[in-house]
Amino acid sequence: MKLGTVIGRVTLSKSVETLKGGRFLVVSPLSRAQFATALTAKPGMGTDPSLVVYDDLGGGVNDVIGYEEGAEAAQPFEVSPPIDAINCVLVDEMFYHPWKG
């Protein structure tokens, strides 16, 4: 699972029946440097490209979410939908203690 910040929403003109009730979010993946301030300050754009994530948990703009990519994203559905990433977690609190070795 990866963490990212929701930076926007996608509006579709047509939808797939199996995805009704959900939404699509534009997510900027968190970089290692952004972990320490992800929930206390607006982390902004990361260095990795943004991606579109299917969400049925209710994530919104500026929320930090955990998402899964690839074949695992389609696992919750009986019929495999056309998605590449799915929101798995809405992050409320995060503790970051980097290893100093």
N, C-alpha and C. Protein backbone atom coordinates (compact mmCIF):
# COMPACT_ATOMS: atom_id res chain seq x y z
N MET A 1 0.85 -1.16 0.00
CA MET A 1 0.00 0.00 0.00
C MET A 1 0.90 1.23 0.00
N LYS A 2 0.46 2.26 -0.70
CA LYS A 2 1.17 3.53 -0.77
C LYS A 2 0.28 4.62 -0.20
N LEU A 3 0.89 5.71 0.25
CA LEU A 3 0.16 6.85 0.78
C LEU A 3 0.24 8.01 -0.19
N GLY A 4 -0.85 8.79 -0.25
CA GLY A 4 -0.88 9.95 -1.12
C GLY A 4 -1.89 10.97 -0.63
N THR A 5 -1.79 12.17 -1.15
CA THR A 5 -2.70 13.25 -0.82
C THR A 5 -3.66 13.48 -1.96
N VAL A 6 -4.95 13.59 -1.65
CA VAL A 6 -5.96 13.85 -2.67
C VAL A 6 -5.84 15.32 -3.08
N ILE A 7 -5.63 15.55 -4.38
CA ILE A 7 -5.49 16.91 -4.87
C ILE A 7 -6.63 17.33 -5.79
N GLY A 8 -7.57 16.43 -6.06
CA GLY A 8 -8.69 16.78 -6.92
C GLY A 8 -9.61 15.61 -7.14
N ARG A 9 -10.69 15.88 -7.89
CA ARG A 9 -11.67 14.85 -8.24
C ARG A 9 -11.84 14.81 -9.74
N VAL A 10 -12.27 13.66 -10.24
CA VAL A 10 -12.50 13.47 -11.67
C VAL A 10 -14.00 13.37 -11.89
N THR A 11 -14.50 14.08 -12.90
CA THR A 11 -15.91 14.00 -13.26
C THR A 11 -16.02 13.25 -14.59
N LEU A 12 -16.86 12.23 -14.60
CA LEU A 12 -17.03 11.40 -15.79
C LEU A 12 -18.38 11.66 -16.45
N SER A 13 -18.44 11.50 -17.76
CA SER A 13 -19.71 11.66 -18.46
C SER A 13 -20.45 10.33 -18.56
N LYS A 14 -19.73 9.22 -18.45
CA LYS A 14 -20.33 7.89 -18.47
C LYS A 14 -19.71 7.09 -17.33
N SER A 15 -20.46 6.10 -16.83
CA SER A 15 -19.91 5.29 -15.75
C SER A 15 -20.12 3.81 -16.01
N VAL A 16 -19.34 3.01 -15.34
CA VAL A 16 -19.45 1.56 -15.42
C VAL A 16 -20.38 1.12 -14.29
N GLU A 17 -21.29 0.24 -14.59
CA GLU A 17 -22.32 -0.18 -13.62
C GLU A 17 -21.72 -0.70 -12.31
N THR A 18 -20.64 -1.45 -12.38
CA THR A 18 -20.05 -2.01 -11.16
C THR A 18 -19.39 -0.95 -10.28
N LEU A 19 -19.14 0.24 -10.81
CA LEU A 19 -18.49 1.30 -10.05
C LEU A 19 -19.45 2.37 -9.55
N LYS A 20 -20.75 2.16 -9.73
CA LYS A 20 -21.73 3.15 -9.26
C LYS A 20 -21.63 3.30 -7.75
N GLY A 21 -21.75 4.53 -7.27
CA GLY A 21 -21.68 4.80 -5.84
C GLY A 21 -20.31 5.24 -5.38
N GLY A 22 -19.32 5.11 -6.24
CA GLY A 22 -17.96 5.55 -5.91
C GLY A 22 -17.60 6.81 -6.67
N ARG A 23 -16.38 7.24 -6.50
CA ARG A 23 -15.88 8.42 -7.22
C ARG A 23 -14.43 8.19 -7.58
N PHE A 24 -13.90 9.04 -8.41
CA PHE A 24 -12.50 8.96 -8.80
C PHE A 24 -11.77 10.19 -8.27
N LEU A 25 -10.63 9.96 -7.62
CA LEU A 25 -9.84 11.03 -7.02
C LEU A 25 -8.49 11.14 -7.71
N VAL A 26 -7.99 12.36 -7.83
CA VAL A 26 -6.63 12.58 -8.32
C VAL A 26 -5.72 12.62 -7.09
N VAL A 27 -4.71 11.75 -7.07
CA VAL A 27 -3.87 11.59 -5.88
C VAL A 27 -2.41 11.86 -6.23
N SER A 28 -1.75 12.63 -5.37
CA SER A 28 -0.31 12.88 -5.49
C SER A 28 0.38 12.00 -4.46
N PRO A 29 1.20 11.03 -4.90
CA PRO A 29 1.88 10.15 -3.94
C PRO A 29 2.80 10.93 -3.01
N LEU A 30 2.85 10.52 -1.74
CA LEU A 30 3.74 11.17 -0.77
C LEU A 30 5.17 10.71 -1.00
N SER A 31 6.08 11.65 -0.97
CA SER A 31 7.50 11.31 -1.03
C SER A 31 7.99 11.07 0.39
N ARG A 32 9.17 10.49 0.52
CA ARG A 32 9.73 10.23 1.84
C ARG A 32 9.87 11.52 2.65
N ALA A 33 10.24 12.61 2.01
CA ALA A 33 10.42 13.89 2.70
C ALA A 33 9.10 14.46 3.20
N GLN A 34 7.98 14.11 2.58
CA GLN A 34 6.68 14.65 2.96
C GLN A 34 6.01 13.89 4.10
N PHE A 35 6.50 12.72 4.48
CA PHE A 35 5.84 11.92 5.50
C PHE A 35 5.73 12.64 6.84
N ALA A 36 6.74 13.36 7.25
CA ALA A 36 6.76 14.01 8.56
C ALA A 36 5.66 15.06 8.71
N THR A 37 5.26 15.71 7.63
CA THR A 37 4.29 16.80 7.72
C THR A 37 2.99 16.51 6.98
N ALA A 38 2.75 15.28 6.59
CA ALA A 38 1.62 14.95 5.72
C ALA A 38 0.27 15.31 6.32
N LEU A 39 0.09 15.14 7.62
CA LEU A 39 -1.21 15.40 8.23
C LEU A 39 -1.30 16.75 8.91
N THR A 40 -0.18 17.42 9.13
CA THR A 40 -0.21 18.70 9.84
C THR A 40 -0.16 19.89 8.91
N ALA A 41 0.41 19.73 7.74
CA ALA A 41 0.50 20.82 6.77
C ALA A 41 0.10 20.29 5.41
N LYS A 42 -0.27 21.18 4.53
CA LYS A 42 -0.60 20.75 3.18
C LYS A 42 0.69 20.32 2.49
N PRO A 43 0.83 19.03 2.17
CA PRO A 43 2.08 18.55 1.61
C PRO A 43 2.34 19.01 0.18
N GLY A 44 1.33 19.39 -0.55
CA GLY A 44 1.53 19.84 -1.92
C GLY A 44 1.83 18.70 -2.86
N MET A 45 2.38 19.03 -3.99
CA MET A 45 2.66 18.03 -5.02
C MET A 45 3.96 17.31 -4.72
N GLY A 46 3.93 15.99 -4.91
CA GLY A 46 5.13 15.19 -4.76
C GLY A 46 5.92 15.20 -6.06
N THR A 47 7.00 14.46 -6.06
CA THR A 47 7.85 14.40 -7.26
C THR A 47 7.36 13.32 -8.24
N ASP A 48 6.61 12.35 -7.73
CA ASP A 48 6.07 11.30 -8.60
C ASP A 48 4.84 11.80 -9.35
N PRO A 49 4.53 11.23 -10.51
CA PRO A 49 3.34 11.65 -11.25
C PRO A 49 2.06 11.33 -10.46
N SER A 50 1.05 12.18 -10.61
CA SER A 50 -0.25 11.94 -9.97
C SER A 50 -0.96 10.80 -10.66
N LEU A 51 -1.94 10.20 -9.96
CA LEU A 51 -2.70 9.11 -10.54
C LEU A 51 -4.16 9.24 -10.14
N VAL A 52 -5.02 8.52 -10.85
CA VAL A 52 -6.45 8.50 -10.56
C VAL A 52 -6.76 7.24 -9.76
N VAL A 53 -7.46 7.42 -8.63
CA VAL A 53 -7.76 6.32 -7.71
C VAL A 53 -9.27 6.22 -7.53
N TYR A 54 -9.81 5.00 -7.65
CA TYR A 54 -11.23 4.78 -7.38
C TYR A 54 -11.45 4.80 -5.87
N ASP A 55 -12.51 5.49 -5.42
CA ASP A 55 -12.77 5.66 -3.99
C ASP A 55 -14.24 5.41 -3.69
N ASP A 56 -14.52 4.50 -2.77
CA ASP A 56 -15.88 4.33 -2.27
C ASP A 56 -15.93 4.50 -0.75
N LEU A 57 -14.84 5.08 -0.18
CA LEU A 57 -14.77 5.31 1.27
C LEU A 57 -15.12 6.75 1.66
N GLY A 58 -15.09 7.67 0.71
CA GLY A 58 -15.46 9.06 1.01
C GLY A 58 -14.28 9.99 1.18
N GLY A 59 -13.17 9.72 0.54
CA GLY A 59 -12.02 10.62 0.62
C GLY A 59 -12.30 11.93 -0.09
N GLY A 60 -11.70 13.01 0.41
CA GLY A 60 -11.91 14.32 -0.18
C GLY A 60 -10.59 15.04 -0.40
N VAL A 61 -10.67 16.20 -1.01
CA VAL A 61 -9.48 17.00 -1.30
C VAL A 61 -8.73 17.32 -0.01
N ASN A 62 -7.41 17.21 -0.04
CA ASN A 62 -6.47 17.42 1.06
C ASN A 62 -6.41 16.27 2.06
N ASP A 63 -7.19 15.20 1.86
CA ASP A 63 -7.10 14.02 2.73
C ASP A 63 -5.88 13.19 2.34
N VAL A 64 -5.29 12.54 3.34
CA VAL A 64 -4.23 11.57 3.08
C VAL A 64 -4.89 10.20 3.04
N ILE A 65 -4.63 9.44 1.98
CA ILE A 65 -5.25 8.13 1.82
C ILE A 65 -4.18 7.07 1.57
N GLY A 66 -4.54 5.82 1.80
CA GLY A 66 -3.71 4.69 1.43
C GLY A 66 -4.36 4.02 0.23
N TYR A 67 -3.60 3.75 -0.80
CA TYR A 67 -4.17 3.16 -2.01
C TYR A 67 -3.32 1.98 -2.46
N GLU A 68 -3.96 1.12 -3.21
CA GLU A 68 -3.31 -0.07 -3.76
C GLU A 68 -3.43 -0.01 -5.28
N GLU A 69 -2.37 -0.39 -5.97
CA GLU A 69 -2.34 -0.35 -7.43
C GLU A 69 -2.26 -1.75 -8.01
N GLY A 70 -2.54 -1.85 -9.29
CA GLY A 70 -2.37 -3.10 -10.03
C GLY A 70 -3.55 -4.04 -9.89
N ALA A 71 -3.27 -5.32 -10.03
CA ALA A 71 -4.33 -6.34 -9.99
C ALA A 71 -5.06 -6.37 -8.65
N GLU A 72 -4.38 -5.99 -7.57
CA GLU A 72 -5.00 -5.96 -6.24
C GLU A 72 -6.15 -4.96 -6.16
N ALA A 73 -6.14 -3.94 -7.00
CA ALA A 73 -7.20 -2.93 -6.98
C ALA A 73 -8.54 -3.50 -7.39
N ALA A 74 -8.56 -4.54 -8.21
CA ALA A 74 -9.81 -5.12 -8.69
C ALA A 74 -10.31 -6.27 -7.81
N GLN A 75 -9.56 -6.66 -6.79
CA GLN A 75 -9.92 -7.80 -5.95
C GLN A 75 -11.26 -7.66 -5.21
N PRO A 76 -11.67 -6.47 -4.74
CA PRO A 76 -12.94 -6.38 -4.00
C PRO A 76 -14.19 -6.60 -4.85
N PHE A 77 -14.06 -6.68 -6.16
CA PHE A 77 -15.20 -6.78 -7.05
C PHE A 77 -15.36 -8.20 -7.59
N GLU A 78 -16.61 -8.61 -7.79
CA GLU A 78 -16.87 -9.93 -8.38
C GLU A 78 -16.43 -9.98 -9.84
N VAL A 79 -16.77 -8.93 -10.58
CA VAL A 79 -16.35 -8.80 -11.97
C VAL A 79 -15.27 -7.73 -12.02
N SER A 80 -14.16 -8.03 -12.61
CA SER A 80 -13.02 -7.11 -12.63
C SER A 80 -13.36 -5.82 -13.38
N PRO A 81 -13.37 -4.67 -12.67
CA PRO A 81 -13.68 -3.39 -13.33
C PRO A 81 -12.43 -2.77 -13.96
N PRO A 82 -12.61 -1.76 -14.80
CA PRO A 82 -11.47 -1.12 -15.46
C PRO A 82 -10.81 -0.06 -14.57
N ILE A 83 -10.18 -0.49 -13.46
CA ILE A 83 -9.47 0.44 -12.58
C ILE A 83 -8.05 -0.06 -12.35
N ASP A 84 -7.14 0.87 -12.08
CA ASP A 84 -5.75 0.53 -11.81
C ASP A 84 -5.35 0.79 -10.37
N ALA A 85 -6.15 1.58 -9.62
CA ALA A 85 -5.83 1.89 -8.23
C ALA A 85 -7.12 2.08 -7.45
N ILE A 86 -7.10 1.67 -6.16
CA ILE A 86 -8.28 1.78 -5.31
C ILE A 86 -7.88 2.31 -3.94
N ASN A 87 -8.73 3.15 -3.38
CA ASN A 87 -8.52 3.69 -2.03
C ASN A 87 -8.84 2.61 -1.01
N CYS A 88 -7.89 2.31 -0.14
CA CYS A 88 -8.07 1.28 0.89
C CYS A 88 -8.23 1.87 2.28
N VAL A 89 -7.67 3.06 2.52
CA VAL A 89 -7.58 3.61 3.87
C VAL A 89 -7.74 5.13 3.82
N LEU A 90 -8.49 5.68 4.79
CA LEU A 90 -8.50 7.11 5.05
C LEU A 90 -7.63 7.32 6.29
N VAL A 91 -6.51 8.03 6.16
CA VAL A 91 -5.54 8.18 7.25
C VAL A 91 -5.97 9.32 8.16
N ASP A 92 -6.18 8.99 9.45
CA ASP A 92 -6.53 10.00 10.44
C ASP A 92 -5.31 10.51 11.19
N GLU A 93 -4.40 9.60 11.50
CA GLU A 93 -3.24 9.95 12.30
C GLU A 93 -2.05 9.14 11.80
N MET A 94 -0.88 9.78 11.80
CA MET A 94 0.30 9.11 11.30
C MET A 94 1.48 9.51 12.16
N PHE A 95 2.28 8.55 12.56
CA PHE A 95 3.49 8.79 13.35
C PHE A 95 4.69 8.45 12.49
N TYR A 96 5.60 9.37 12.38
CA TYR A 96 6.77 9.18 11.53
C TYR A 96 8.02 9.31 12.38
N HIS A 97 8.75 8.22 12.52
CA HIS A 97 10.00 8.20 13.26
C HIS A 97 11.06 7.53 12.37
N PRO A 98 11.81 8.35 11.60
CA PRO A 98 12.78 7.75 10.68
C PRO A 98 13.89 7.03 11.45
N TRP A 99 14.35 5.95 10.85
CA TRP A 99 15.43 5.17 11.46
C TRP A 99 16.74 5.90 11.28
N LYS A 100 17.49 6.01 12.37
CA LYS A 100 18.79 6.70 12.32
C LYS A 100 19.89 5.68 12.60
N GLY A 101 20.26 4.99 11.57
CA GLY A 101 21.23 3.91 11.75
C GLY A 101 22.52 4.09 11.13
